[in-house]
Amino acid sequence: MKRTITITFDHEGHVGWDVHENGKCCNGLGWDEMLGQIAALTISPSRVGNGFAMRTPKEWKKHHAAMESRRKAEAAERLRNGIPF
């Protein structure tokens, strides 16, 4: 099966390497993380695992919103239980 995986680097913002495939991406990776992601995408998952998440921009937005909601709920729970941050 032929696949197209694109690797980009933002030389202006220096935010890291981005890996793109089929409308999904994983942004802001370090050099070693980017290499690991390429390995994870191109080697059988039974050998190396799943690597970093690849999501569409819409999926990333939903993921980040869920993480923020979970963070706020955990902070509220700590406050209710008198646990310092």
N, C-alpha and C. Protein backbone atom coordinates (compact mmCIF):
# COMPACT_ATOMS: atom_id res chain seq x y z
N MET A 1 0.84 -1.17 0.00
CA MET A 1 0.00 0.00 0.00
C MET A 1 0.88 1.24 0.00
N LYS A 2 0.59 2.17 -0.90
CA LYS A 2 1.34 3.41 -0.98
C LYS A 2 0.71 4.45 -0.06
N ARG A 3 1.56 5.14 0.71
CA ARG A 3 1.09 6.17 1.64
C ARG A 3 1.89 7.44 1.41
N THR A 4 1.25 8.57 1.69
CA THR A 4 1.94 9.86 1.62
C THR A 4 1.92 10.47 3.01
N ILE A 5 3.10 10.62 3.59
CA ILE A 5 3.27 11.25 4.90
C ILE A 5 4.12 12.49 4.67
N THR A 6 3.66 13.63 5.16
CA THR A 6 4.36 14.88 4.97
C THR A 6 4.93 15.36 6.30
N ILE A 7 6.20 15.78 6.28
CA ILE A 7 6.87 16.32 7.46
C ILE A 7 7.19 17.78 7.16
N THR A 8 6.78 18.68 8.06
CA THR A 8 7.09 20.10 7.88
C THR A 8 7.73 20.64 9.15
N PHE A 9 8.45 21.74 9.00
CA PHE A 9 9.07 22.42 10.14
C PHE A 9 8.86 23.91 9.97
N ASP A 10 8.42 24.59 11.01
CA ASP A 10 8.19 26.03 10.99
C ASP A 10 9.50 26.72 11.39
N HIS A 11 10.23 27.21 10.40
CA HIS A 11 11.51 27.87 10.68
C HIS A 11 11.32 29.23 11.35
N GLU A 12 10.16 29.85 11.14
CA GLU A 12 9.89 31.17 11.74
C GLU A 12 9.58 31.05 13.22
N GLY A 13 8.59 30.23 13.55
CA GLY A 13 8.13 30.13 14.93
C GLY A 13 8.89 29.14 15.78
N HIS A 14 9.69 28.27 15.15
CA HIS A 14 10.47 27.25 15.86
C HIS A 14 9.61 26.46 16.84
N VAL A 15 8.43 26.04 16.38
CA VAL A 15 7.52 25.29 17.25
C VAL A 15 7.66 23.79 17.08
N GLY A 16 8.55 23.35 16.23
CA GLY A 16 8.79 21.92 16.09
C GLY A 16 8.35 21.37 14.75
N TRP A 17 8.43 20.06 14.67
CA TRP A 17 8.10 19.33 13.45
C TRP A 17 6.64 18.92 13.46
N ASP A 18 6.02 18.96 12.28
CA ASP A 18 4.63 18.53 12.12
C ASP A 18 4.61 17.33 11.17
N VAL A 19 3.82 16.32 11.51
CA VAL A 19 3.66 15.14 10.68
C VAL A 19 2.20 15.09 10.23
N HIS A 20 1.98 14.97 8.91
CA HIS A 20 0.63 14.98 8.33
C HIS A 20 0.42 13.72 7.49
N GLU A 21 -0.79 13.16 7.59
CA GLU A 21 -1.19 12.06 6.73
C GLU A 21 -2.72 12.01 6.67
N ASN A 22 -3.26 11.99 5.46
CA ASN A 22 -4.70 11.84 5.24
C ASN A 22 -5.55 12.84 6.03
N GLY A 23 -5.13 14.09 6.09
CA GLY A 23 -5.90 15.12 6.78
C GLY A 23 -5.73 15.14 8.28
N LYS A 24 -4.92 14.24 8.82
CA LYS A 24 -4.65 14.21 10.25
C LYS A 24 -3.21 14.67 10.49
N CYS A 25 -2.97 15.18 11.70
CA CYS A 25 -1.62 15.68 11.97
C CYS A 25 -1.27 15.52 13.45
N CYS A 26 0.01 15.62 13.69
CA CYS A 26 0.55 15.71 15.05
C CYS A 26 1.58 16.83 14.98
N ASN A 27 1.31 17.93 15.65
CA ASN A 27 2.13 19.14 15.51
C ASN A 27 3.05 19.37 16.70
N GLY A 28 4.11 20.14 16.44
CA GLY A 28 5.00 20.61 17.49
C GLY A 28 5.89 19.54 18.10
N LEU A 29 6.27 18.55 17.30
CA LEU A 29 7.12 17.47 17.81
C LEU A 29 8.58 17.88 17.80
N GLY A 30 9.34 17.36 18.75
CA GLY A 30 10.78 17.49 18.71
C GLY A 30 11.35 16.56 17.65
N TRP A 31 12.64 16.71 17.34
CA TRP A 31 13.28 15.90 16.30
C TRP A 31 13.12 14.41 16.57
N ASP A 32 13.43 13.97 17.77
CA ASP A 32 13.33 12.55 18.09
C ASP A 32 11.88 12.08 18.10
N GLU A 33 10.96 12.93 18.55
CA GLU A 33 9.55 12.58 18.54
C GLU A 33 9.04 12.41 17.10
N MET A 34 9.46 13.32 16.21
CA MET A 34 9.05 13.24 14.82
C MET A 34 9.55 11.95 14.19
N LEU A 35 10.80 11.59 14.44
CA LEU A 35 11.34 10.33 13.90
C LEU A 35 10.58 9.13 14.46
N GLY A 36 10.27 9.17 15.74
CA GLY A 36 9.49 8.10 16.36
C GLY A 36 8.10 8.00 15.77
N GLN A 37 7.50 9.17 15.47
CA GLN A 37 6.16 9.16 14.88
C GLN A 37 6.19 8.53 13.49
N ILE A 38 7.19 8.86 12.70
CA ILE A 38 7.32 8.27 11.37
C ILE A 38 7.51 6.76 11.50
N ALA A 39 8.33 6.34 12.44
CA ALA A 39 8.52 4.90 12.67
C ALA A 39 7.20 4.25 13.06
N ALA A 40 6.46 4.89 13.97
CA ALA A 40 5.19 4.32 14.44
C ALA A 40 4.17 4.22 13.32
N LEU A 41 4.20 5.19 12.40
CA LEU A 41 3.24 5.18 11.29
C LEU A 41 3.60 4.16 10.21
N THR A 42 4.86 3.79 10.14
CA THR A 42 5.30 2.95 9.02
C THR A 42 5.69 1.53 9.41
N ILE A 43 5.72 1.24 10.70
CA ILE A 43 6.03 -0.12 11.17
C ILE A 43 4.76 -0.70 11.77
N SER A 44 4.57 -1.98 11.65
CA SER A 44 3.38 -2.65 12.17
C SER A 44 3.15 -2.26 13.63
N PRO A 45 1.91 -1.85 13.99
CA PRO A 45 1.62 -1.48 15.39
C PRO A 45 1.95 -2.59 16.39
N SER A 46 1.90 -3.83 15.96
CA SER A 46 2.22 -4.92 16.88
C SER A 46 3.69 -4.89 17.29
N ARG A 47 4.51 -4.16 16.55
CA ARG A 47 5.94 -4.09 16.87
C ARG A 47 6.30 -2.89 17.73
N VAL A 48 5.63 -1.74 17.56
CA VAL A 48 6.08 -0.53 18.26
C VAL A 48 4.99 0.25 18.98
N GLY A 49 3.74 -0.07 18.85
CA GLY A 49 2.69 0.71 19.49
C GLY A 49 2.12 1.73 18.53
N ASN A 50 1.44 2.74 19.08
CA ASN A 50 0.68 3.67 18.25
C ASN A 50 1.33 5.03 18.04
N GLY A 51 2.42 5.36 18.71
CA GLY A 51 3.04 6.67 18.53
C GLY A 51 2.18 7.78 19.10
N PHE A 52 2.35 8.98 18.55
CA PHE A 52 1.57 10.14 18.98
C PHE A 52 0.26 10.17 18.22
N ALA A 53 -0.74 10.78 18.80
CA ALA A 53 -2.06 10.85 18.18
C ALA A 53 -2.02 11.66 16.89
N MET A 54 -2.72 11.16 15.90
CA MET A 54 -2.92 11.87 14.63
C MET A 54 -4.40 12.18 14.56
N ARG A 55 -4.74 13.46 14.50
CA ARG A 55 -6.14 13.87 14.48
C ARG A 55 -6.34 14.97 13.45
N THR A 56 -7.56 15.10 12.98
CA THR A 56 -7.91 16.22 12.12
C THR A 56 -7.95 17.48 12.99
N PRO A 57 -7.89 18.68 12.38
CA PRO A 57 -8.00 19.89 13.20
C PRO A 57 -9.27 19.90 14.05
N LYS A 58 -10.38 19.42 13.52
CA LYS A 58 -11.63 19.36 14.28
C LYS A 58 -11.49 18.40 15.46
N GLU A 59 -10.87 17.24 15.23
CA GLU A 59 -10.65 16.28 16.31
C GLU A 59 -9.71 16.85 17.37
N TRP A 60 -8.65 17.60 16.97
CA TRP A 60 -7.74 18.22 17.93
C TRP A 60 -8.50 19.22 18.80
N LYS A 61 -9.38 20.03 18.17
CA LYS A 61 -10.15 21.02 18.93
C LYS A 61 -11.02 20.33 19.97
N LYS A 62 -11.69 19.26 19.58
CA LYS A 62 -12.54 18.51 20.50
C LYS A 62 -11.69 17.89 21.62
N HIS A 63 -10.54 17.34 21.27
CA HIS A 63 -9.64 16.72 22.25
C HIS A 63 -9.16 17.75 23.28
N HIS A 64 -8.72 18.92 22.79
CA HIS A 64 -8.23 19.95 23.70
C HIS A 64 -9.35 20.49 24.60
N ALA A 65 -10.56 20.61 24.05
CA ALA A 65 -11.69 21.05 24.87
C ALA A 65 -12.00 20.03 25.97
N ALA A 66 -11.94 18.74 25.62
CA ALA A 66 -12.20 17.70 26.62
C ALA A 66 -11.12 17.71 27.71
N MET A 67 -9.86 17.91 27.31
CA MET A 67 -8.77 17.96 28.29
C MET A 67 -8.95 19.16 29.22
N GLU A 68 -9.34 20.30 28.68
CA GLU A 68 -9.54 21.50 29.50
C GLU A 68 -10.71 21.30 30.46
N SER A 69 -11.78 20.68 29.98
CA SER A 69 -12.93 20.40 30.83
C SER A 69 -12.53 19.46 31.97
N ARG A 70 -11.75 18.44 31.66
CA ARG A 70 -11.29 17.49 32.67
C ARG A 70 -10.37 18.18 33.68
N ARG A 71 -9.50 19.07 33.18
CA ARG A 71 -8.59 19.80 34.08
C ARG A 71 -9.39 20.66 35.06
N LYS A 72 -10.41 21.34 34.55
CA LYS A 72 -11.23 22.20 35.41
C LYS A 72 -12.00 21.37 36.44
N ALA A 73 -12.53 20.22 36.01
CA ALA A 73 -13.27 19.35 36.94
C ALA A 73 -12.35 18.82 38.04
N GLU A 74 -11.13 18.44 37.67
CA GLU A 74 -10.17 17.93 38.66
C GLU A 74 -9.77 19.03 39.64
N ALA A 75 -9.60 20.27 39.13
CA ALA A 75 -9.25 21.39 40.01
C ALA A 75 -10.39 21.68 40.98
N ALA A 76 -11.62 21.64 40.49
CA ALA A 76 -12.78 21.87 41.36
C ALA A 76 -12.87 20.79 42.43
N GLU A 77 -12.61 19.56 42.06
CA GLU A 77 -12.63 18.44 43.01
C GLU A 77 -11.57 18.63 44.09
N ARG A 78 -10.38 19.07 43.70
CA ARG A 78 -9.32 19.32 44.68
C ARG A 78 -9.74 20.41 45.66
N LEU A 79 -10.37 21.47 45.14
CA LEU A 79 -10.82 22.54 46.01
C LEU A 79 -11.88 22.05 46.98
N ARG A 80 -12.82 21.25 46.50
CA ARG A 80 -13.88 20.71 47.38
C ARG A 80 -13.28 19.85 48.49
N ASN A 81 -12.19 19.15 48.17
CA ASN A 81 -11.57 18.26 49.16
C ASN A 81 -10.46 18.93 49.95
N GLY A 82 -10.24 20.23 49.72
CA GLY A 82 -9.23 20.97 50.47
C GLY A 82 -7.81 20.56 50.13
N ILE A 83 -7.61 20.04 48.93
CA ILE A 83 -6.27 19.61 48.49
C ILE A 83 -5.60 20.80 47.80
N PRO A 84 -4.42 21.22 48.28
CA PRO A 84 -3.72 22.34 47.64
C PRO A 84 -3.21 21.94 46.25
N PHE A 85 -3.01 22.94 45.44
CA PHE A 85 -2.53 22.70 44.08
C PHE A 85 -1.07 22.36 44.05
